[in-house]
Amino acid sequence: MAHEEIKSCCADAYSRDVVALLLGDSYHPGGTALTRRLADHLALAPGLRVLDVASGRGTTALLLADSYRVRADGVDYAPANTALAQGAAQAAGLADRTAFTTGDAEHLPYQDEVFDAVVCECALCTFPDKARAAAEFARVLKPGGRLGLTDVTADPDRLPPELSGLTARIACIADARPLQAYAEILAAAGLRTRVTERHDQAMLRMIDQIQARLDLLRITAPARLADAGVDLDAAPAVLDAARAAVTAGLLGYTLLTAVKTPMAAADLPAGT
């Protein structure tokens, strides 16, 4: 499947209401508690400008604008999510400190070196061109700016068949990488990793939450699940395989921060 088709499928899936029913307000393990931990690691302070990449319905950007008093921009591939985030900002009285834009993480619609920090939660693993996305993170960061990620880690060569393919990619599993691979991708873009933390238990809790909500919706709203394209026959096997993979250490969830480092002279374009 072409890169643009993958992005469209992921964006369409995460803009559907059924995803909110299954995942809750935060579409990632650890929820807002882990977002706050990430923000604290980034030393966010009032007046800083922060970009949330793959901002979804605006949960993270609105939390940062409200609790940390930053200017928060959000960019998401799905126009439906952008509209919902804008509406949520208005309802929360945060429209003056937030802005939401439809755009591609691999081609961010912002000028160079405008953000003090970039955050991206449970999304880099879904981007087809991770190196390009990392380069874009670095491009829009000011020198010394900080990147904060929370994301799925995986040993892709050892994952079972249930955790491959488009469905697993949308579920943030199929194209996830080991932590060291993420660090290497970021380093190639001039982003030096500073902090890493494992939060595998948060992933297990999310799997259990999805299972419980799926079981409830199977009884109360099976047509809604079917209309959203949820394969009720395949879902239990995927969840069981994901749970087993986390327990075996093949799948996990990690918090990572990095800093934009000055380019070495050898890396500068000719004539500079």
Protein backbone atom coordinates (compact mmCIF):
# COMPACT_ATOMS: atom_id res chain seq x y z
CA MET A 1 0.00 0.00 0.00
CA ALA A 2 1.32 3.47 -0.90
CA HIS A 3 2.38 5.88 1.85
CA GLU A 4 -0.50 8.29 1.22
CA GLU A 5 -3.04 5.45 1.40
CA ILE A 6 -1.62 4.31 4.74
CA LYS A 7 -1.81 7.84 6.13
CA SER A 8 -5.39 8.23 4.93
CA CYS A 9 -6.46 4.91 6.43
CA CYS A 10 -4.91 5.77 9.81
CA ALA A 11 -6.37 9.28 9.81
CA ASP A 12 -9.81 8.01 8.87
CA ALA A 13 -9.74 5.35 11.57
CA TYR A 14 -8.75 7.76 14.33
CA SER A 15 -11.35 10.34 13.37
CA ARG A 16 -14.22 7.89 13.95
CA ASP A 17 -16.39 8.14 17.05
CA VAL A 18 -16.03 4.45 17.79
CA VAL A 19 -12.32 5.00 18.49
CA ALA A 20 -13.24 7.46 21.24
CA LEU A 21 -15.60 4.86 22.68
CA LEU A 22 -12.85 2.24 22.75
CA LEU A 23 -9.89 4.42 23.79
CA GLY A 24 -11.41 7.24 25.83
CA ASP A 25 -10.24 10.86 25.69
CA SER A 26 -6.54 10.09 25.19
CA TYR A 27 -5.74 7.86 22.25
CA HIS A 28 -2.58 6.45 23.79
CA PRO A 29 -1.42 4.31 26.74
CA GLY A 30 -0.95 6.22 29.98
CA GLY A 31 -3.53 8.86 29.08
CA THR A 32 -3.20 12.41 30.37
CA ALA A 33 -1.09 11.30 33.34
CA LEU A 34 1.69 10.21 30.98
CA THR A 35 1.23 13.40 28.94
CA ARG A 36 1.83 15.42 32.10
CA ARG A 37 4.93 13.39 32.90
CA LEU A 38 6.21 14.05 29.38
CA ALA A 39 5.51 17.79 29.75
CA ASP A 40 7.37 17.88 33.05
CA HIS A 41 10.40 16.19 31.45
CA LEU A 42 10.32 18.87 28.75
CA ALA A 43 10.24 21.61 31.41
CA LEU A 44 7.32 23.33 29.72
CA ALA A 45 6.67 26.82 31.07
CA PRO A 46 4.23 29.67 30.39
CA GLY A 47 4.78 31.47 27.11
CA LEU A 48 6.66 28.68 25.32
CA ARG A 49 5.40 27.65 21.90
CA VAL A 50 4.68 23.93 21.56
CA LEU A 51 3.62 21.84 18.57
CA ASP A 52 1.60 18.64 19.00
CA VAL A 53 2.08 16.46 15.92
CA ALA A 54 -0.83 14.10 15.15
CA SER A 55 -2.91 16.11 17.59
CA GLY A 56 -6.15 14.20 17.02
CA ARG A 57 -9.11 15.86 18.72
CA GLY A 58 -6.84 18.21 20.63
CA THR A 59 -6.62 16.51 24.03
CA THR A 60 -2.87 16.94 24.51
CA ALA A 61 -2.61 20.44 23.06
CA LEU A 62 -5.52 21.67 25.18
CA LEU A 63 -4.04 20.10 28.32
CA LEU A 64 -0.68 21.79 27.70
CA ALA A 65 -2.29 25.17 26.98
CA ASP A 66 -4.46 24.95 30.09
CA SER A 67 -2.14 23.38 32.66
CA TYR A 68 1.24 24.70 31.47
CA ARG A 69 0.07 28.02 29.96
CA VAL A 70 1.98 27.41 26.73
CA ARG A 71 0.93 28.46 23.23
CA ALA A 72 -0.04 25.09 21.75
CA ASP A 73 -0.38 24.37 18.04
CA GLY A 74 -1.76 21.05 16.83
CA VAL A 75 -1.46 19.47 13.39
CA ASP A 76 -3.38 16.39 12.26
CA TYR A 77 -3.83 14.60 8.94
CA ALA A 78 -7.61 14.30 9.35
CA PRO A 79 -9.72 17.43 8.70
CA ALA A 80 -12.46 15.99 10.93
CA ASN A 81 -10.06 15.90 13.87
CA THR A 82 -8.94 19.47 13.20
CA ALA A 83 -12.53 20.67 13.27
CA LEU A 84 -13.28 18.79 16.48
CA ALA A 85 -10.13 20.15 18.14
CA GLN A 86 -11.03 23.71 17.16
CA GLY A 87 -14.49 23.25 18.63
CA ALA A 88 -13.05 21.81 21.84
CA ALA A 89 -10.70 24.78 22.15
CA GLN A 90 -13.59 27.19 21.82
CA ALA A 91 -15.64 25.29 24.38
CA ALA A 92 -12.73 25.25 26.84
CA GLY A 93 -12.02 28.96 26.44
CA LEU A 94 -8.55 28.20 25.07
CA ALA A 95 -8.92 29.43 21.48
CA ASP A 96 -6.56 32.33 22.20
CA ARG A 97 -3.71 29.97 23.18
CA THR A 98 -4.25 27.16 20.68
CA ALA A 99 -4.40 26.70 16.92
CA PHE A 100 -5.21 23.53 15.00
CA THR A 101 -4.21 22.87 11.41
CA THR A 102 -4.73 20.02 8.96
CA GLY A 103 -1.37 18.84 7.68
CA ASP A 104 1.13 16.03 7.17
CA ALA A 105 3.74 15.18 9.82
CA GLU A 106 6.20 14.46 7.03
CA HIS A 107 5.65 17.95 5.56
CA LEU A 108 4.82 20.17 8.52
CA PRO A 109 3.09 23.44 7.51
CA TYR A 110 5.31 25.66 9.68
CA GLN A 111 8.40 27.77 9.18
CA ASP A 112 11.84 26.74 10.40
CA GLU A 113 12.82 27.08 14.07
CA VAL A 114 9.54 28.43 15.48
CA PHE A 115 8.78 25.99 18.32
CA ASP A 116 10.37 25.59 21.73
CA ALA A 117 9.10 22.02 21.98
CA VAL A 118 7.44 19.38 19.81
CA VAL A 119 5.39 16.51 21.23
CA CYS A 120 4.12 13.45 19.38
CA GLU A 121 2.21 10.75 21.23
CA CYS A 122 1.65 7.25 19.89
CA ALA A 123 1.95 8.42 16.29
CA LEU A 124 5.54 8.22 15.01
CA CYS A 125 5.07 4.44 14.89
CA THR A 126 2.31 4.91 12.30
CA PHE A 127 4.19 7.31 10.00
CA PRO A 128 5.39 5.56 6.83
CA ASP A 129 8.54 7.73 6.55
CA LYS A 130 9.78 8.08 10.10
CA ALA A 131 13.11 9.62 9.10
CA ARG A 132 11.33 12.37 7.18
CA ALA A 133 9.01 13.06 10.13
CA ALA A 134 12.00 13.25 12.49
CA ALA A 135 13.71 15.70 10.14
CA GLU A 136 10.56 17.82 10.18
CA PHE A 137 10.47 17.77 13.99
CA ALA A 138 14.04 19.06 13.99
CA ARG A 139 13.39 21.66 11.30
CA VAL A 140 10.57 23.41 13.16
CA LEU A 141 12.37 23.31 16.53
CA LYS A 142 14.48 26.23 17.68
CA PRO A 143 18.15 25.43 18.41
CA GLY A 144 18.18 23.70 21.76
CA GLY A 145 14.46 22.95 21.42
CA ARG A 146 13.10 19.76 22.93
CA LEU A 147 11.20 16.81 21.48
CA GLY A 148 8.93 14.61 23.58
CA LEU A 149 7.58 11.27 22.38
CA THR A 150 5.49 8.55 23.90
CA ASP A 151 5.25 5.62 21.54
CA VAL A 152 4.91 1.93 20.94
CA THR A 153 8.15 -0.04 20.77
CA ALA A 154 8.37 -3.46 19.17
CA ASP A 155 10.67 -6.20 17.98
CA PRO A 156 9.04 -6.38 14.52
CA ASP A 157 10.85 -9.54 13.41
CA ARG A 158 9.40 -11.52 16.32
CA LEU A 159 5.81 -10.28 16.36
CA PRO A 160 3.09 -12.87 15.58
CA PRO A 161 1.06 -12.67 12.35
CA GLU A 162 -1.93 -11.17 14.18
CA LEU A 163 0.17 -8.05 14.82
CA SER A 164 1.07 -7.33 11.21
CA GLY A 165 -0.86 -5.77 8.36
CA LEU A 166 -2.89 -2.60 8.05
CA THR A 167 -5.16 -3.21 11.05
CA ALA A 168 -2.17 -3.65 13.33
CA ARG A 169 -0.50 -0.59 11.78
CA ILE A 170 -3.56 1.52 12.61
CA ALA A 171 -3.39 0.04 16.11
CA CYS A 172 0.17 1.44 16.37
CA ILE A 173 1.86 -1.97 16.33
CA ALA A 174 2.78 -3.23 12.86
CA ASP A 175 5.39 -0.59 12.02
CA ALA A 176 6.61 0.17 15.54
CA ARG A 177 10.38 -0.08 16.07
CA PRO A 178 12.73 -0.94 18.94
CA LEU A 179 13.67 1.96 21.19
CA GLN A 180 17.23 2.02 19.84
CA ALA A 181 15.93 2.33 16.28
CA TYR A 182 13.85 5.38 17.23
CA ALA A 183 16.89 6.94 18.91
CA GLU A 184 18.97 6.34 15.78
CA ILE A 185 16.29 7.89 13.53
CA LEU A 186 16.17 10.95 15.76
CA ALA A 187 19.97 11.20 15.97
CA ALA A 188 20.21 11.23 12.17
CA ALA A 189 17.91 14.29 12.23
CA GLY A 190 20.06 16.08 14.83
CA LEU A 191 17.91 15.15 17.84
CA ARG A 192 19.93 13.73 20.74
CA THR A 193 18.02 11.44 23.09
CA ARG A 194 18.17 12.55 26.72
CA VAL A 195 15.56 10.56 28.68
CA THR A 196 13.89 7.20 28.09
CA GLU A 197 11.36 5.46 30.33
CA ARG A 198 9.49 2.20 29.86
CA HIS A 199 5.73 2.29 30.48
CA ASP A 200 4.74 -1.20 29.36
CA GLN A 201 2.15 -1.53 32.12
CA ALA A 202 0.29 1.43 30.59
CA MET A 203 -0.01 -0.55 27.37
CA LEU A 204 -1.36 -3.58 29.21
CA ARG A 205 -3.96 -1.40 30.93
CA MET A 206 -5.05 0.04 27.58
CA ILE A 207 -5.37 -3.43 26.05
CA ASP A 208 -7.55 -4.49 28.98
CA GLN A 209 -9.62 -1.29 28.62
CA ILE A 210 -10.18 -1.88 24.91
CA GLN A 211 -11.15 -5.50 25.60
CA ALA A 212 -13.69 -4.48 28.24
CA ARG A 213 -15.22 -1.73 26.12
CA LEU A 214 -15.28 -3.96 23.05
CA ASP A 215 -17.13 -6.65 25.00
CA LEU A 216 -19.68 -4.07 26.17
CA LEU A 217 -20.19 -2.59 22.70
CA ARG A 218 -20.52 -6.08 21.23
CA ILE A 219 -23.69 -6.38 23.34
CA THR A 220 -25.00 -2.81 23.29
CA ALA A 221 -23.99 -1.52 19.86
CA PRO A 222 -22.79 -4.28 17.51
CA ALA A 223 -24.08 -2.45 14.43
CA ARG A 224 -22.03 0.60 15.35
CA LEU A 225 -18.88 -1.50 15.55
CA ALA A 226 -19.67 -3.15 12.22
CA ASP A 227 -20.32 0.22 10.56
CA ALA A 228 -16.95 1.43 11.83
CA GLY A 229 -15.21 -1.54 10.25
CA VAL A 230 -14.31 -3.29 13.53
CA ASP A 231 -13.78 -6.99 12.82
CA LEU A 232 -15.44 -8.58 15.84
CA ASP A 233 -14.09 -12.01 14.91
CA ALA A 234 -10.47 -10.90 14.56
CA ALA A 235 -10.29 -8.35 17.40
CA PRO A 236 -10.01 -10.81 20.32
CA ALA A 237 -7.07 -12.61 18.70
CA VAL A 238 -5.29 -9.30 18.05
CA LEU A 239 -5.79 -8.17 21.65
CA ASP A 240 -4.65 -11.53 23.03
CA ALA A 241 -1.58 -11.47 20.80
CA ALA A 242 -0.76 -7.90 21.85
CA ARG A 243 -1.10 -8.78 25.54
CA ALA A 244 1.17 -11.81 25.13
CA ALA A 245 3.72 -9.77 23.17
CA VAL A 246 3.92 -7.14 25.93
CA THR A 247 4.34 -9.83 28.57
CA ALA A 248 7.12 -11.43 26.50
CA GLY A 249 8.92 -8.11 26.04
CA LEU A 250 8.32 -7.99 22.28
CA LEU A 251 5.97 -5.02 22.54
CA GLY A 252 6.01 -2.06 24.89
CA TYR A 253 5.47 1.63 25.42
CA THR A 254 8.20 4.20 25.95
CA LEU A 255 8.57 7.84 26.88
CA LEU A 256 11.50 9.55 25.15
CA THR A 257 12.82 13.10 25.14
CA ALA A 258 15.48 14.57 22.87
CA VAL A 259 17.11 17.93 22.26
CA LYS A 260 17.95 19.62 18.96
CA THR A 261 21.72 19.80 18.76
CA PRO A 262 23.76 22.18 16.59
CA MET A 263 24.77 20.65 13.27
CA ALA A 264 28.43 19.70 12.98
CA ALA A 265 30.42 21.62 10.37
CA ALA A 266 30.58 18.52 8.20
CA ASP A 267 26.78 18.40 8.11
CA LEU A 268 26.30 21.99 6.95
CA PRO A 269 25.45 22.68 3.31
CA ALA A 270 28.32 23.77 1.09
CA GLY A 271 29.03 27.49 1.17
CA THR A 272 27.85 28.09 4.76
